[in-house]
Amino acid sequence: MQTTLIVHAIAAPLIFCAVSYIYFRRFHYTPALKTALIFVLFVTAADAGIVAPFFERSYKMFASILGTWLPFALIFASTFITGLYVAKLKP
């Protein structure tokens, strides 16, 4: 289980980095900070509204720093940093 949580904590921000890169290059409707907030709120809502009640059948996952809160923070950071990076690339 520990290995799974570590992989999740590494994979989640990498996936969101790629998704946000595509978003910022093609659409870029919102600034980096707002987009990072929207992305992390979407993931939080999905975890609280779908994953916890239907798959986990418990909200214990929100007690785990490594399993929940660290990935949320890293998703926010990777999206925000990607947005700043792409904004510097645009003329």
PDB file of N, CA and C in Angstrom:
ATOM      1  N   MET A   1       0.816  -1.187   0.000  1.00  0.00           N
ATOM      2  CA  MET A   1       0.000   0.000   0.000  1.00  0.00           C
ATOM      3  C   MET A   1       0.868   1.262   0.000  1.00  0.00           C
ATOM      4  N   GLN A   2       1.944   1.243   0.750  1.00  0.00           N
ATOM      5  CA  GLN A   2       2.843   2.396   0.823  1.00  0.00           C
ATOM      6  C   GLN A   2       3.416   2.720  -0.557  1.00  0.00           C
ATOM      7  N   THR A   3       3.810   1.704  -1.294  1.00  0.00           N
ATOM      8  CA  THR A   3       4.353   1.905  -2.635  1.00  0.00           C
ATOM      9  C   THR A   3       3.295   2.501  -3.558  1.00  0.00           C
ATOM     10  N   THR A   4       2.066   2.034  -3.448  1.00  0.00           N
ATOM     11  CA  THR A   4       0.971   2.563  -4.252  1.00  0.00           C
ATOM     12  C   THR A   4       0.753   4.036  -3.970  1.00  0.00           C
ATOM     13  N   LEU A   5       0.801   4.425  -2.711  1.00  0.00           N
ATOM     14  CA  LEU A   5       0.612   5.823  -2.341  1.00  0.00           C
ATOM     15  C   LEU A   5       1.747   6.699  -2.869  1.00  0.00           C
ATOM     16  N   ILE A   6       2.948   6.183  -2.831  1.00  0.00           N
ATOM     17  CA  ILE A   6       4.100   6.935  -3.345  1.00  0.00           C
ATOM     18  C   ILE A   6       3.984   7.104  -4.861  1.00  0.00           C
ATOM     19  N   VAL A   7       3.611   6.045  -5.564  1.00  0.00           N
ATOM     20  CA  VAL A   7       3.423   6.128  -7.013  1.00  0.00           C
ATOM     21  C   VAL A   7       2.323   7.144  -7.335  1.00  0.00           C
ATOM     22  N   HIS A   8       1.243   7.118  -6.579  1.00  0.00           N
ATOM     23  CA  HIS A   8       0.143   8.066  -6.762  1.00  0.00           C
ATOM     24  C   HIS A   8       0.612   9.499  -6.544  1.00  0.00           C
ATOM     25  N   ALA A   9       1.415   9.705  -5.512  1.00  0.00           N
ATOM     26  CA  ALA A   9       1.917  11.048  -5.205  1.00  0.00           C
ATOM     27  C   ALA A   9       2.870  11.558  -6.287  1.00  0.00           C
ATOM     28  N   ILE A  10       3.520  10.659  -6.989  1.00  0.00           N
ATOM     29  CA  ILE A  10       4.424  11.053  -8.078  1.00  0.00           C
ATOM     30  C   ILE A  10       3.661  11.186  -9.389  1.00  0.00           C
ATOM     31  N   ALA A  11       2.772  10.247  -9.669  1.00  0.00           N
ATOM     32  CA  ALA A  11       2.072  10.233 -10.956  1.00  0.00           C
ATOM     33  C   ALA A  11       1.055  11.364 -11.092  1.00  0.00           C
ATOM     34  N   ALA A  12       0.338  11.664 -10.036  1.00  0.00           N
ATOM     35  CA  ALA A  12      -0.728  12.674 -10.116  1.00  0.00           C
ATOM     36  C   ALA A  12      -0.208  14.031 -10.607  1.00  0.00           C
ATOM     37  N   PRO A  13       0.851  14.581 -10.012  1.00  0.00           N
ATOM     38  CA  PRO A  13       1.310  15.877 -10.524  1.00  0.00           C
ATOM     39  C   PRO A  13       1.899  15.799 -11.931  1.00  0.00           C
ATOM     40  N   LEU A  14       2.497  14.671 -12.283  1.00  0.00           N
ATOM     41  CA  LEU A  14       3.026  14.525 -13.643  1.00  0.00           C
ATOM     42  C   LEU A  14       1.898  14.511 -14.669  1.00  0.00           C
ATOM     43  N   ILE A  15       0.822  13.808 -14.355  1.00  0.00           N
ATOM     44  CA  ILE A  15      -0.334  13.761 -15.246  1.00  0.00           C
ATOM     45  C   ILE A  15      -0.950  15.153 -15.376  1.00  0.00           C
ATOM     46  N   PHE A  16      -1.106  15.841 -14.252  1.00  0.00           N
ATOM     47  CA  PHE A  16      -1.694  17.175 -14.300  1.00  0.00           C
ATOM     48  C   PHE A  16      -0.761  18.195 -14.940  1.00  0.00           C
ATOM     49  N   CYS A  17       0.511  17.965 -14.868  1.00  0.00           N
ATOM     50  CA  CYS A  17       1.460  18.824 -15.579  1.00  0.00           C
ATOM     51  C   CYS A  17       1.219  18.706 -17.081  1.00  0.00           C
ATOM     52  N   ALA A  18       1.066  17.488 -17.568  1.00  0.00           N
ATOM     53  CA  ALA A  18       0.806  17.266 -18.992  1.00  0.00           C
ATOM     54  C   ALA A  18      -0.545  17.835 -19.408  1.00  0.00           C
ATOM     55  N   VAL A  19      -1.573  17.585 -18.604  1.00  0.00           N
ATOM     56  CA  VAL A  19      -2.914  18.098 -18.921  1.00  0.00           C
ATOM     57  C   VAL A  19      -2.913  19.624 -18.925  1.00  0.00           C
ATOM     58  N   SER A  20      -2.298  20.217 -17.920  1.00  0.00           N
ATOM     59  CA  SER A  20      -2.291  21.677 -17.844  1.00  0.00           C
ATOM     60  C   SER A  20      -1.428  22.286 -18.949  1.00  0.00           C
ATOM     61  N   TYR A  21      -0.360  21.609 -19.340  1.00  0.00           N
ATOM     62  CA  TYR A  21       0.458  22.100 -20.454  1.00  0.00           C
ATOM     63  C   TYR A  21      -0.389  22.191 -21.723  1.00  0.00           C
ATOM     64  N   ILE A  22      -1.129  21.142 -21.996  1.00  0.00           N
ATOM     65  CA  ILE A  22      -2.013  21.146 -23.164  1.00  0.00           C
ATOM     66  C   ILE A  22      -3.049  22.258 -23.022  1.00  0.00           C
ATOM     67  N   TYR A  23      -3.655  22.379 -21.850  1.00  0.00           N
ATOM     68  CA  TYR A  23      -4.655  23.422 -21.622  1.00  0.00           C
ATOM     69  C   TYR A  23      -4.062  24.811 -21.866  1.00  0.00           C
ATOM     70  N   PHE A  24      -2.923  25.093 -21.261  1.00  0.00           N
ATOM     71  CA  PHE A  24      -2.342  26.427 -21.385  1.00  0.00           C
ATOM     72  C   PHE A  24      -1.863  26.725 -22.809  1.00  0.00           C
ATOM     73  N   ARG A  25      -1.399  25.727 -23.518  1.00  0.00           N
ATOM     74  CA  ARG A  25      -0.931  25.956 -24.898  1.00  0.00           C
ATOM     75  C   ARG A  25      -2.098  26.151 -25.864  1.00  0.00           C
ATOM     76  N   ARG A  26      -3.198  25.441 -25.670  1.00  0.00           N
ATOM     77  CA  ARG A  26      -4.302  25.486 -26.631  1.00  0.00           C
ATOM     78  C   ARG A  26      -5.402  26.460 -26.262  1.00  0.00           C
ATOM     79  N   PHE A  27      -5.730  26.578 -24.977  1.00  0.00           N
ATOM     80  CA  PHE A  27      -6.898  27.354 -24.581  1.00  0.00           C
ATOM     81  C   PHE A  27      -6.539  28.582 -23.744  1.00  0.00           C
ATOM     82  N   HIS A  28      -5.945  28.352 -22.617  1.00  0.00           N
ATOM     83  CA  HIS A  28      -5.471  29.403 -21.716  1.00  0.00           C
ATOM     84  C   HIS A  28      -6.533  30.473 -21.437  1.00  0.00           C
ATOM     85  N   TYR A  29      -7.731  30.013 -21.043  1.00  0.00           N
ATOM     86  CA  TYR A  29      -8.814  30.935 -20.721  1.00  0.00           C
ATOM     87  C   TYR A  29      -8.645  31.580 -19.355  1.00  0.00           C
ATOM     88  N   THR A  30      -7.942  30.915 -18.457  1.00  0.00           N
ATOM     89  CA  THR A  30      -7.773  31.427 -17.098  1.00  0.00           C
ATOM     90  C   THR A  30      -6.289  31.500 -16.759  1.00  0.00           C
ATOM     91  N   PRO A  31      -5.919  32.398 -15.846  1.00  0.00           N
ATOM     92  CA  PRO A  31      -4.512  32.485 -15.440  1.00  0.00           C
ATOM     93  C   PRO A  31      -4.085  31.256 -14.626  1.00  0.00           C
ATOM     94  N   ALA A  32      -2.797  31.143 -14.419  1.00  0.00           N
ATOM     95  CA  ALA A  32      -2.214  29.963 -13.768  1.00  0.00           C
ATOM     96  C   ALA A  32      -2.812  29.686 -12.392  1.00  0.00           C
ATOM     97  N   LEU A  33      -2.934  30.696 -11.561  1.00  0.00           N
ATOM     98  CA  LEU A  33      -3.443  30.493 -10.202  1.00  0.00           C
ATOM     99  C   LEU A  33      -4.881  29.997 -10.220  1.00  0.00           C
ATOM    100  N   LYS A  34      -5.712  30.613 -11.018  1.00  0.00           N
ATOM    101  CA  LYS A  34      -7.120  30.215 -11.093  1.00  0.00           C
ATOM    102  C   LYS A  34      -7.253  28.797 -11.649  1.00  0.00           C
ATOM    103  N   THR A  35      -6.476  28.480 -12.661  1.00  0.00           N
ATOM    104  CA  THR A  35      -6.514  27.139 -13.247  1.00  0.00           C
ATOM    105  C   THR A  35      -6.066  26.092 -12.242  1.00  0.00           C
ATOM    106  N   ALA A  36      -5.006  26.374 -11.504  1.00  0.00           N
ATOM    107  CA  ALA A  36      -4.533  25.433 -10.487  1.00  0.00           C
ATOM    108  C   ALA A  36      -5.609  25.195  -9.437  1.00  0.00           C
ATOM    109  N   LEU A  37      -6.286  26.259  -9.016  1.00  0.00           N
ATOM    110  CA  LEU A  37      -7.377  26.109  -8.045  1.00  0.00           C
ATOM    111  C   LEU A  37      -8.523  25.283  -8.611  1.00  0.00           C
ATOM    112  N   ILE A  38      -8.898  25.550  -9.851  1.00  0.00           N
ATOM    113  CA  ILE A  38      -9.980  24.791 -10.487  1.00  0.00           C
ATOM    114  C   ILE A  38      -9.614  23.315 -10.603  1.00  0.00           C
ATOM    115  N   PHE A  39      -8.407  23.023 -11.041  1.00  0.00           N
ATOM    116  CA  PHE A  39      -7.980  21.630 -11.202  1.00  0.00           C
ATOM    117  C   PHE A  39      -7.992  20.890  -9.863  1.00  0.00           C
ATOM    118  N   VAL A  40      -7.421  21.506  -8.829  1.00  0.00           N
ATOM    119  CA  VAL A  40      -7.344  20.817  -7.543  1.00  0.00           C
ATOM    120  C   VAL A  40      -8.738  20.718  -6.897  1.00  0.00           C
ATOM    121  N   LEU A  41      -9.586  21.697  -7.098  1.00  0.00           N
ATOM    122  CA  LEU A  41     -10.955  21.599  -6.582  1.00  0.00           C
ATOM    123  C   LEU A  41     -11.744  20.516  -7.302  1.00  0.00           C
ATOM    124  N   PHE A  42     -11.498  20.348  -8.599  1.00  0.00           N
ATOM    125  CA  PHE A  42     -12.144  19.272  -9.346  1.00  0.00           C
ATOM    126  C   PHE A  42     -11.730  17.901  -8.799  1.00  0.00           C
ATOM    127  N   VAL A  43     -10.436  17.726  -8.572  1.00  0.00           N
ATOM    128  CA  VAL A  43      -9.935  16.455  -8.052  1.00  0.00           C
ATOM    129  C   VAL A  43     -10.470  16.203  -6.643  1.00  0.00           C
ATOM    130  N   THR A  44     -10.496  17.241  -5.818  1.00  0.00           N
ATOM    131  CA  THR A  44     -11.013  17.115  -4.462  1.00  0.00           C
ATOM    132  C   THR A  44     -12.493  16.726  -4.490  1.00  0.00           C
ATOM    133  N   ALA A  45     -13.262  17.390  -5.337  1.00  0.00           N
ATOM    134  CA  ALA A  45     -14.683  17.071  -5.453  1.00  0.00           C
ATOM    135  C   ALA A  45     -14.896  15.643  -5.960  1.00  0.00           C
ATOM    136  N   ALA A  46     -14.091  15.226  -6.926  1.00  0.00           N
ATOM    137  CA  ALA A  46     -14.199  13.861  -7.444  1.00  0.00           C
ATOM    138  C   ALA A  46     -13.859  12.840  -6.357  1.00  0.00           C
ATOM    139  N   ASP A  47     -12.818  13.103  -5.586  1.00  0.00           N
ATOM    140  CA  ASP A  47     -12.456  12.193  -4.497  1.00  0.00           C
ATOM    141  C   ASP A  47     -13.546  12.146  -3.428  1.00  0.00           C
ATOM    142  N   ALA A  48     -14.075  13.316  -3.063  1.00  0.00           N
ATOM    143  CA  ALA A  48     -15.084  13.378  -2.004  1.00  0.00           C
ATOM    144  C   ALA A  48     -16.451  12.887  -2.473  1.00  0.00           C
ATOM    145  N   GLY A  49     -16.772  13.120  -3.746  1.00  0.00           N
ATOM    146  CA  GLY A  49     -18.100  12.776  -4.226  1.00  0.00           C
ATOM    147  C   GLY A  49     -18.225  11.437  -4.924  1.00  0.00           C
ATOM    148  N   ILE A  50     -17.095  10.907  -5.418  1.00  0.00           N
ATOM    149  CA  ILE A  50     -17.160   9.642  -6.162  1.00  0.00           C
ATOM    150  C   ILE A  50     -16.256   8.580  -5.550  1.00  0.00           C
ATOM    151  N   VAL A  51     -14.972   8.880  -5.436  1.00  0.00           N
ATOM    152  CA  VAL A  51     -14.005   7.868  -4.991  1.00  0.00           C
ATOM    153  C   VAL A  51     -14.286   7.409  -3.564  1.00  0.00           C
ATOM    154  N   ALA A  52     -14.378   8.339  -2.638  1.00  0.00           N
ATOM    155  CA  ALA A  52     -14.569   7.961  -1.232  1.00  0.00           C
ATOM    156  C   ALA A  52     -15.890   7.218  -0.990  1.00  0.00           C
ATOM    157  N   PRO A  53     -17.030   7.735  -1.421  1.00  0.00           N
ATOM    158  CA  PRO A  53     -18.273   7.034  -1.090  1.00  0.00           C
ATOM    159  C   PRO A  53     -18.531   5.767  -1.900  1.00  0.00           C
ATOM    160  N   PHE A  54     -18.107   5.725  -3.158  1.00  0.00           N
ATOM    161  CA  PHE A  54     -18.456   4.585  -3.999  1.00  0.00           C
ATOM    162  C   PHE A  54     -17.363   3.536  -4.135  1.00  0.00           C
ATOM    163  N   PHE A  55     -16.110   3.957  -4.198  1.00  0.00           N
ATOM    164  CA  PHE A  55     -15.019   2.997  -4.362  1.00  0.00           C
ATOM    165  C   PHE A  55     -14.400   2.601  -3.028  1.00  0.00           C
ATOM    166  N   GLU A  56     -14.087   3.583  -2.205  1.00  0.00           N
ATOM    167  CA  GLU A  56     -13.468   3.309  -0.914  1.00  0.00           C
ATOM    168  C   GLU A  56     -14.505   2.952   0.154  1.00  0.00           C
ATOM    169  N   ARG A  57     -15.729   3.437  -0.029  1.00  0.00           N
ATOM    170  CA  ARG A  57     -16.815   3.275   0.941  1.00  0.00           C
ATOM    171  C   ARG A  57     -16.445   3.822   2.310  1.00  0.00           C
ATOM    172  N   SER A  58     -15.612   4.854   2.297  1.00  0.00           N
ATOM    173  CA  SER A  58     -15.151   5.484   3.527  1.00  0.00           C
ATOM    174  C   SER A  58     -14.452   6.792   3.175  1.00  0.00           C
ATOM    175  N   TYR A  59     -14.477   7.709   4.113  1.00  0.00           N
ATOM    176  CA  TYR A  59     -13.772   8.968   3.922  1.00  0.00           C
ATOM    177  C   TYR A  59     -12.426   8.965   4.657  1.00  0.00           C
ATOM    178  N   LYS A  60     -11.950   7.782   5.033  1.00  0.00           N
ATOM    179  CA  LYS A  60     -10.654   7.666   5.714  1.00  0.00           C
ATOM    180  C   LYS A  60      -9.497   8.154   4.856  1.00  0.00           C
ATOM    181  N   MET A  61      -9.671   8.118   3.553  1.00  0.00           N
ATOM    182  CA  MET A  61      -8.586   8.534   2.661  1.00  0.00           C
ATOM    183  C   MET A  61      -8.168   9.975   2.923  1.00  0.00           C
ATOM    184  N   PHE A  62      -9.082  10.789   3.450  1.00  0.00           N
ATOM    185  CA  PHE A  62      -8.761  12.188   3.711  1.00  0.00           C
ATOM    186  C   PHE A  62      -7.924  12.366   4.979  1.00  0.00           C
ATOM    187  N   ALA A  63      -7.696  11.291   5.697  1.00  0.00           N
ATOM    188  CA  ALA A  63      -6.819  11.329   6.870  1.00  0.00           C
ATOM    189  C   ALA A  63      -5.355  11.085   6.489  1.00  0.00           C
ATOM    190  N   SER A  64      -5.131  10.670   5.254  1.00  0.00           N
ATOM    191  CA  SER A  64      -3.787  10.332   4.799  1.00  0.00           C
ATOM    192  C   SER A  64      -3.116  11.517   4.099  1.00  0.00           C
ATOM    193  N   ILE A  65      -2.005  11.948   4.637  1.00  0.00           N
ATOM    194  CA  ILE A  65      -1.249  13.033   4.008  1.00  0.00           C
ATOM    195  C   ILE A  65      -0.645  12.537   2.696  1.00  0.00           C
ATOM    196  N   LEU A  66      -0.006  11.378   2.719  1.00  0.00           N
ATOM    197  CA  LEU A  66       0.639  10.834   1.533  1.00  0.00           C
ATOM    198  C   LEU A  66      -0.376  10.434   0.463  1.00  0.00           C
ATOM    199  N   GLY A  67      -1.513   9.922   0.873  1.00  0.00           N
ATOM    200  CA  GLY A  67      -2.492   9.421  -0.088  1.00  0.00           C
ATOM    201  C   GLY A  67      -3.407  10.478  -0.661  1.00  0.00           C
ATOM    202  N   THR A  68      -3.608  11.583   0.050  1.00  0.00           N
ATOM    203  CA  THR A  68      -4.572  12.579  -0.413  1.00  0.00           C
ATOM    204  C   THR A  68      -4.002  13.986  -0.466  1.00  0.00           C
ATOM    205  N   TRP A  69      -3.549  14.478   0.656  1.00  0.00           N
ATOM    206  CA  TRP A  69      -3.185  15.898   0.742  1.00  0.00           C
ATOM    207  C   TRP A  69      -1.896  16.247  -0.003  1.00  0.00           C
ATOM    208  N   LEU A  70      -0.918  15.375   0.021  1.00  0.00           N
ATOM    209  CA  LEU A  70       0.306  15.627  -0.742  1.00  0.00           C
ATOM    210  C   LEU A  70       0.031  15.631  -2.251  1.00  0.00           C
ATOM    211  N   PRO A  71      -0.710  14.643  -2.781  1.00  0.00           N
ATOM    212  CA  PRO A  71      -1.038  14.718  -4.202  1.00  0.00           C
ATOM    213  C   PRO A  71      -1.844  15.976  -4.569  1.00  0.00           C
ATOM    214  N   PHE A  72      -2.782  16.390  -3.707  1.00  0.00           N
ATOM    215  CA  PHE A  72      -3.534  17.620  -3.974  1.00  0.00           C
ATOM    216  C   PHE A  72      -2.585  18.808  -4.066  1.00  0.00           C
ATOM    217  N   ALA A  73      -1.675  18.919  -3.123  1.00  0.00           N
ATOM    218  CA  ALA A  73      -0.719  20.032  -3.115  1.00  0.00           C
ATOM    219  C   ALA A  73       0.186  19.986  -4.343  1.00  0.00           C
ATOM    220  N   LEU A  74       0.630  18.791  -4.713  1.00  0.00           N
ATOM    221  CA  LEU A  74       1.509  18.653  -5.877  1.00  0.00           C
ATOM    222  C   LEU A  74       0.765  18.905  -7.188  1.00  0.00           C
ATOM    223  N   ILE A  75      -0.516  18.538  -7.256  1.00  0.00           N
ATOM    224  CA  ILE A  75      -1.324  18.840  -8.431  1.00  0.00           C
ATOM    225  C   ILE A  75      -1.451  20.356  -8.573  1.00  0.00           C
ATOM    226  N   PHE A  76      -1.738  21.030  -7.463  1.00  0.00           N
ATOM    227  CA  PHE A  76      -1.835  22.487  -7.486  1.00  0.00           C
ATOM    228  C   PHE A  76      -0.515  23.105  -7.954  1.00  0.00           C
ATOM    229  N   ALA A  77       0.579  22.679  -7.341  1.00  0.00           N
ATOM    230  CA  ALA A  77       1.881  23.255  -7.661  1.00  0.00           C
ATOM    231  C   ALA A  77       2.279  22.983  -9.108  1.00  0.00           C
ATOM    232  N   SER A  78       2.079  21.771  -9.585  1.00  0.00           N
ATOM    233  CA  SER A  78       2.490  21.452 -10.962  1.00  0.00           C
ATOM    234  C   SER A  78       1.657  22.213 -11.980  1.00  0.00           C
ATOM    235  N   THR A  79       0.372  22.367 -11.713  1.00  0.00           N
ATOM    236  CA  THR A  79      -0.482  23.127 -12.623  1.00  0.00           C
ATOM    237  C   THR A  79      -0.091  24.599 -12.624  1.00  0.00           C
ATOM    238  N   PHE A  80       0.124  25.153 -11.457  1.00  0.00           N
ATOM    239  CA  PHE A  80       0.494  26.558 -11.330  1.00  0.00           C
ATOM    240  C   PHE A  80       1.834  26.843 -12.008  1.00  0.00           C
ATOM    241  N   ILE A  81       2.819  26.022 -11.737  1.00  0.00           N
ATOM    242  CA  ILE A  81       4.150  26.215 -12.323  1.00  0.00           C
ATOM    243  C   ILE A  81       4.107  26.039 -13.839  1.00  0.00           C
ATOM    244  N   THR A  82       3.354  25.064 -14.310  1.00  0.00           N
ATOM    245  CA  THR A  82       3.213  24.866 -15.752  1.00  0.00           C
ATOM    246  C   THR A  82       2.573  26.097 -16.397  1.00  0.00           C
ATOM    247  N   GLY A  83       1.557  26.653 -15.752  1.00  0.00           N
ATOM    248  CA  GLY A  83       0.912  27.860 -16.273  1.00  0.00           C
ATOM    249  C   GLY A  83       1.869  29.031 -16.353  1.00  0.00           C
ATOM    250  N   LEU A  84       2.683  29.201 -15.330  1.00  0.00           N
ATOM    251  CA  LEU A  84       3.675  30.279 -15.352  1.00  0.00           C
ATOM    252  C   LEU A  84       4.708  30.051 -16.452  1.00  0.00           C
ATOM    253  N   TYR A  85       5.127  28.800 -16.600  1.00  0.00           N
ATOM    254  CA  TYR A  85       6.117  28.459 -17.619  1.00  0.00           C
ATOM    255  C   TYR A  85       5.576  28.727 -19.027  1.00  0.00           C
ATOM    256  N   VAL A  86       4.377  28.274 -19.307  1.00  0.00           N
ATOM    257  CA  VAL A  86       3.802  28.455 -20.638  1.00  0.00           C
ATOM    258  C   VAL A  86       3.557  29.939 -20.914  1.00  0.00           C
ATOM    259  N   ALA A  87       3.167  30.693 -19.895  1.00  0.00           N
ATOM    260  CA  ALA A  87       2.944  32.136 -20.077  1.00  0.00           C
ATOM    261  C   ALA A  87       4.238  32.839 -20.489  1.00  0.00           C
ATOM    262  N   LYS A  88       5.373  32.373 -19.987  1.00  0.00           N
ATOM    263  CA  LYS A  88       6.664  32.966 -20.369  1.00  0.00           C
ATOM    264  C   LYS A  88       7.041  32.601 -21.803  1.00  0.00           C
ATOM    265  N   LEU A  89       6.560  31.460 -22.298  1.00  0.00           N
ATOM    266  CA  LEU A  89       6.880  31.030 -23.659  1.00  0.00           C
ATOM    267  C   LEU A  89       6.121  31.830 -24.707  1.00  0.00           C
ATOM    268  N   LYS A  90       4.918  32.282 -24.356  1.00  0.00           N
ATOM    269  CA  LYS A  90       4.089  32.993 -25.327  1.00  0.00           C
ATOM    270  C   LYS A  90       4.629  34.389 -25.583  1.00  0.00           C
ATOM    271  N   PRO A  91       4.610  34.786 -26.849  1.00  0.00           N
ATOM    272  CA  PRO A  91       5.122  36.129 -27.171  1.00  0.00           C
ATOM    273  C   PRO A  91       4.186  37.223 -26.714  1.00  0.00           C
TER     274      PRO A  91
END
